[in-house]
N, C-alpha and C. Protein backbone atom coordinates (compact mmCIF):
# COMPACT_ATOMS: atom_id res chain seq x y z
N MET A 1 14.96 14.68 -12.67
CA MET A 1 14.07 14.05 -11.33
C MET A 1 12.92 14.24 -11.46
N LEU A 2 12.12 15.34 -11.53
CA LEU A 2 10.62 16.40 -11.80
C LEU A 2 10.12 15.94 -12.96
N GLY A 3 11.13 15.51 -14.11
CA GLY A 3 10.42 14.70 -15.27
C GLY A 3 10.36 13.03 -15.36
N THR A 4 11.18 12.15 -14.34
CA THR A 4 10.76 11.24 -14.30
C THR A 4 9.82 10.47 -13.56
N VAL A 5 9.97 12.09 -12.88
CA VAL A 5 8.30 11.34 -11.33
C VAL A 5 6.83 11.57 -12.13
N THR A 6 7.13 12.38 -12.96
CA THR A 6 6.01 13.00 -13.58
C THR A 6 6.45 12.19 -14.81
N ALA A 7 6.65 11.59 -15.48
CA ALA A 7 6.53 10.75 -16.21
C ALA A 7 5.90 8.84 -15.29
N PHE A 8 6.54 9.08 -14.56
CA PHE A 8 6.25 7.54 -13.38
C PHE A 8 4.52 8.07 -13.12
N VAL A 9 4.12 8.86 -12.74
CA VAL A 9 2.77 9.24 -12.16
C VAL A 9 1.88 8.75 -14.19
N ALA A 10 2.57 9.52 -14.69
CA ALA A 10 1.68 9.70 -16.41
C ALA A 10 1.31 7.94 -16.33
N ILE A 11 2.37 6.98 -16.56
CA ILE A 11 2.26 6.17 -17.19
C ILE A 11 0.89 5.06 -15.78
N LEU A 12 1.95 4.99 -14.76
CA LEU A 12 0.56 5.46 -13.69
C LEU A 12 -1.15 5.34 -13.19
N MET A 13 -1.45 6.93 -14.38
CA MET A 13 -2.55 7.36 -15.10
C MET A 13 -2.59 6.13 -15.86
N VAL A 14 -1.93 6.25 -17.07
CA VAL A 14 -3.30 5.28 -18.34
C VAL A 14 -3.23 3.78 -17.40
N LEU A 15 -3.02 3.61 -16.91
CA LEU A 15 -2.30 1.99 -16.65
C LEU A 15 -4.30 2.00 -15.69
N ALA A 16 -4.66 3.35 -14.80
CA ALA A 16 -5.39 3.25 -14.18
C ALA A 16 -6.43 3.64 -15.28
N LEU A 17 -6.44 4.24 -15.96
CA LEU A 17 -7.47 4.72 -16.54
C LEU A 17 -8.24 2.95 -17.73
N ARG A 18 -6.68 2.12 -17.83
CA ARG A 18 -6.79 1.08 -19.03
C ARG A 18 -8.04 0.27 -18.02
N ASN A 19 -7.67 -0.16 -16.37
CA ASN A 19 -8.13 -0.64 -15.69
C ASN A 19 -9.69 -0.85 -15.22
N ALA A 20 -9.74 1.32 -15.59
CA ALA A 20 -11.24 1.20 -15.42
C ALA A 20 -12.17 1.30 -16.23
N ALA A 21 -11.30 1.48 -17.77
CA ALA A 21 -12.11 0.84 -18.82
C ALA A 21 -12.36 -0.86 -18.90
N LYS A 22 -11.60 -1.24 -18.64
CA LYS A 22 -12.05 -2.50 -18.09
C LYS A 22 -13.25 -3.25 -17.32
N ALA A 23 -13.03 -2.22 -16.26
CA ALA A 23 -14.03 -2.67 -15.58
C ALA A 23 -15.80 -2.26 -16.15
N VAL A 24 -15.64 -1.23 -16.72
CA VAL A 24 -16.83 -0.31 -16.83
C VAL A 24 -17.55 -1.59 -17.96
N LEU A 25 -16.69 -1.97 -18.68
CA LEU A 25 -16.86 -3.08 -19.97
C LEU A 25 -17.34 -4.63 -19.93
N MET A 26 -16.95 -4.65 -18.94
CA MET A 26 -16.93 -6.19 -18.11
C MET A 26 -18.22 -6.51 -19.04
N PRO A 27 -19.98 -6.03 -18.45
CA PRO A 27 -21.15 -6.70 -18.67
C PRO A 27 -21.19 -6.60 -19.97
N VAL A 28 -20.36 -5.71 -21.10
CA VAL A 28 -20.11 -5.55 -22.15
C VAL A 28 -20.09 -7.51 -22.61
N TYR A 29 -18.66 -7.62 -22.51
CA TYR A 29 -18.37 -8.99 -22.73
C TYR A 29 -18.34 -9.84 -22.09
N ALA A 30 -19.47 -9.92 -21.30
CA ALA A 30 -20.44 -10.74 -20.65
C ALA A 30 -21.65 -11.30 -21.63
N VAL A 31 -22.28 -9.89 -21.91
CA VAL A 31 -23.40 -10.69 -22.64
C VAL A 31 -22.69 -10.75 -23.76
N ARG A 32 -21.79 -10.70 -24.61
CA ARG A 32 -20.97 -10.76 -25.92
C ARG A 32 -20.78 -12.71 -25.68
N ASP A 33 -20.50 -12.55 -24.56
CA ASP A 33 -19.90 -14.53 -24.48
C ASP A 33 -20.80 -14.99 -24.42
N ILE A 34 -21.51 -14.25 -23.69
CA ILE A 34 -23.11 -15.27 -23.69
C ILE A 34 -23.62 -15.38 -25.05
N HIS A 35 -24.14 -14.47 -25.83
CA HIS A 35 -25.02 -14.70 -27.02
C HIS A 35 -23.44 -15.30 -27.55
N ARG A 36 -22.46 -15.54 -27.18
CA ARG A 36 -21.54 -16.63 -28.37
C ARG A 36 -21.58 -17.67 -28.02
N GLY A 37 -22.30 -18.26 -26.86
CA GLY A 37 -22.85 -19.50 -26.72
C GLY A 37 -21.60 -19.93 -25.67
N ARG A 38 -20.61 -18.63 -24.61
CA ARG A 38 -19.70 -19.10 -23.62
C ARG A 38 -20.63 -18.78 -22.33
N TYR A 39 -21.51 -19.47 -22.47
CA TYR A 39 -22.67 -19.46 -20.89
C TYR A 39 -21.59 -18.76 -19.83
N VAL A 40 -20.64 -19.85 -19.21
CA VAL A 40 -20.57 -20.18 -17.79
C VAL A 40 -18.82 -18.75 -17.35
N ARG A 41 -18.73 -18.14 -18.93
CA ARG A 41 -17.55 -16.89 -18.68
C ARG A 41 -18.47 -16.14 -18.77
N GLY A 42 -19.58 -16.01 -19.14
CA GLY A 42 -20.16 -14.63 -19.31
C GLY A 42 -21.12 -14.64 -18.44
N LEU A 43 -21.58 -15.75 -17.49
CA LEU A 43 -21.97 -15.46 -15.93
C LEU A 43 -20.99 -15.02 -15.22
N VAL A 44 -20.38 -15.74 -15.17
CA VAL A 44 -19.12 -15.18 -13.82
C VAL A 44 -18.44 -14.13 -14.11
N LEU A 45 -18.63 -13.75 -15.55
CA LEU A 45 -18.38 -12.13 -15.67
C LEU A 45 -19.23 -11.05 -15.51
N LEU A 46 -20.63 -11.31 -15.51
CA LEU A 46 -21.82 -10.85 -15.30
C LEU A 46 -21.97 -10.44 -13.41
N SER A 47 -21.57 -11.73 -12.88
CA SER A 47 -21.43 -11.81 -11.65
C SER A 47 -20.26 -10.91 -10.42
N CYS A 48 -18.96 -11.03 -11.34
CA CYS A 48 -18.19 -10.04 -11.30
C CYS A 48 -18.67 -8.87 -10.66
N SER A 49 -18.99 -8.28 -12.47
CA SER A 49 -19.31 -7.15 -12.85
C SER A 49 -20.57 -6.61 -11.30
N ALA A 50 -21.36 -7.44 -11.14
CA ALA A 50 -22.82 -7.51 -10.17
C ALA A 50 -22.39 -6.48 -8.72
N LEU A 51 -20.58 -7.65 -8.54
CA LEU A 51 -20.28 -7.46 -7.20
C LEU A 51 -19.70 -6.54 -7.32
N ALA A 52 -18.52 -6.21 -7.82
CA ALA A 52 -18.08 -4.78 -8.48
C ALA A 52 -19.12 -3.43 -8.15
N VAL A 53 -20.38 -3.35 -8.46
CA VAL A 53 -21.39 -2.62 -8.36
C VAL A 53 -21.69 -2.62 -7.09
N TRP A 54 -22.05 -4.05 -6.29
CA TRP A 54 -22.03 -3.36 -5.16
C TRP A 54 -21.72 -2.75 -3.78
N SER A 55 -20.53 -3.85 -4.44
CA SER A 55 -19.29 -2.97 -3.25
C SER A 55 -19.01 -1.77 -3.75
N ILE A 56 -19.05 -1.03 -4.95
CA ILE A 56 -18.85 0.32 -4.86
C ILE A 56 -19.89 1.21 -4.50
N TRP A 57 -21.43 0.42 -4.23
CA TRP A 57 -22.78 1.39 -4.05
C TRP A 57 -22.76 0.67 -2.05
N THR A 58 -22.41 0.33 -1.47
CA THR A 58 -22.07 0.09 -0.08
C THR A 58 -20.87 0.79 0.79
N MET A 59 -19.94 0.90 -0.05
CA MET A 59 -18.97 1.69 -0.30
C MET A 59 -19.20 3.16 -0.21
N SER A 60 -19.91 4.20 -1.07
CA SER A 60 -20.38 5.41 -1.52
C SER A 60 -21.65 5.60 -0.75
N HIS A 61 -22.67 4.37 -0.44
CA HIS A 61 -23.71 4.50 0.15
C HIS A 61 -23.64 4.11 1.25
N PRO A 62 -22.92 4.85 2.42
CA PRO A 62 -23.52 4.68 3.91
C PRO A 62 -24.67 3.73 4.59
N GLY A 63 -25.14 3.17 5.26
CA GLY A 63 -25.74 2.86 6.36
C GLY A 63 -27.07 3.85 6.86
N ARG A 64 -28.16 3.62 7.52
CA ARG A 64 -28.43 5.13 8.05
C ARG A 64 -28.15 5.19 9.39
N THR A 65 -27.36 5.79 9.60
CA THR A 65 -27.16 6.06 11.03
C THR A 65 -28.19 6.46 12.44
N LYS A 66 -27.85 5.29 13.48
CA LYS A 66 -28.27 5.87 14.15
C LYS A 66 -28.93 6.57 15.14
N ALA A 67 -30.24 7.06 15.44
CA ALA A 67 -30.60 8.09 16.34
C ALA A 67 -30.12 8.49 17.48
N ALA A 68 -29.80 9.88 17.64
CA ALA A 68 -28.79 9.63 19.15
C ALA A 68 -30.09 9.53 20.25
N PRO A 69 -30.19 9.21 21.44
CA PRO A 69 -31.15 9.00 21.73
C PRO A 69 -31.55 11.39 22.79
N VAL A 70 -32.66 11.00 22.48
CA VAL A 70 -32.78 12.15 23.14
C VAL A 70 -32.33 12.77 24.36
N ALA A 71 -32.15 12.11 25.26
CA ALA A 71 -31.57 12.62 27.05
C ALA A 71 -30.03 13.28 26.71
N ALA A 72 -29.65 12.31 25.41
CA ALA A 72 -27.93 12.60 25.04
C ALA A 72 -28.04 14.03 24.00
N VAL A 73 -29.33 13.72 23.67
CA VAL A 73 -29.16 15.60 22.51
C VAL A 73 -29.66 16.73 23.88
N MET A 74 -30.56 16.35 24.37
CA MET A 74 -30.80 17.33 25.50
C MET A 74 -29.69 18.15 25.63
N TYR A 75 -28.81 16.71 26.72
CA TYR A 75 -27.92 17.35 27.88
C TYR A 75 -26.91 18.28 27.81
N THR A 76 -26.58 19.30 27.46
CA THR A 76 -25.82 20.13 27.69
C THR A 76 -24.51 20.33 28.26
N GLY A 77 -24.46 19.70 29.27
CA GLY A 77 -23.56 19.61 30.06
C GLY A 77 -22.62 20.52 30.71
C-alpha cells in the first residue's frame, strides 16, 4: 500500500515538474516562433507568459495595507 502511494506521488511530482519546466520555457518558445515567422503564435505565447508572471507577482506581493487610525492604535480597551 505504501509503495503504491509513493509511486503515485512520484508520478504527480514528475508531471508537476514537467509542467513547471514548460511554463519557464514558454518565453523561449515564443521568441523562437517569432524568429521563425509564426508571429501570432509567438505573440500569444508571450502574452500568456506575461500574464502568468503578473499573476504570480500579484499573488506573492500583496498590496500595501492600510494604516490603522491613530485612535485604534492608541486604544487599549
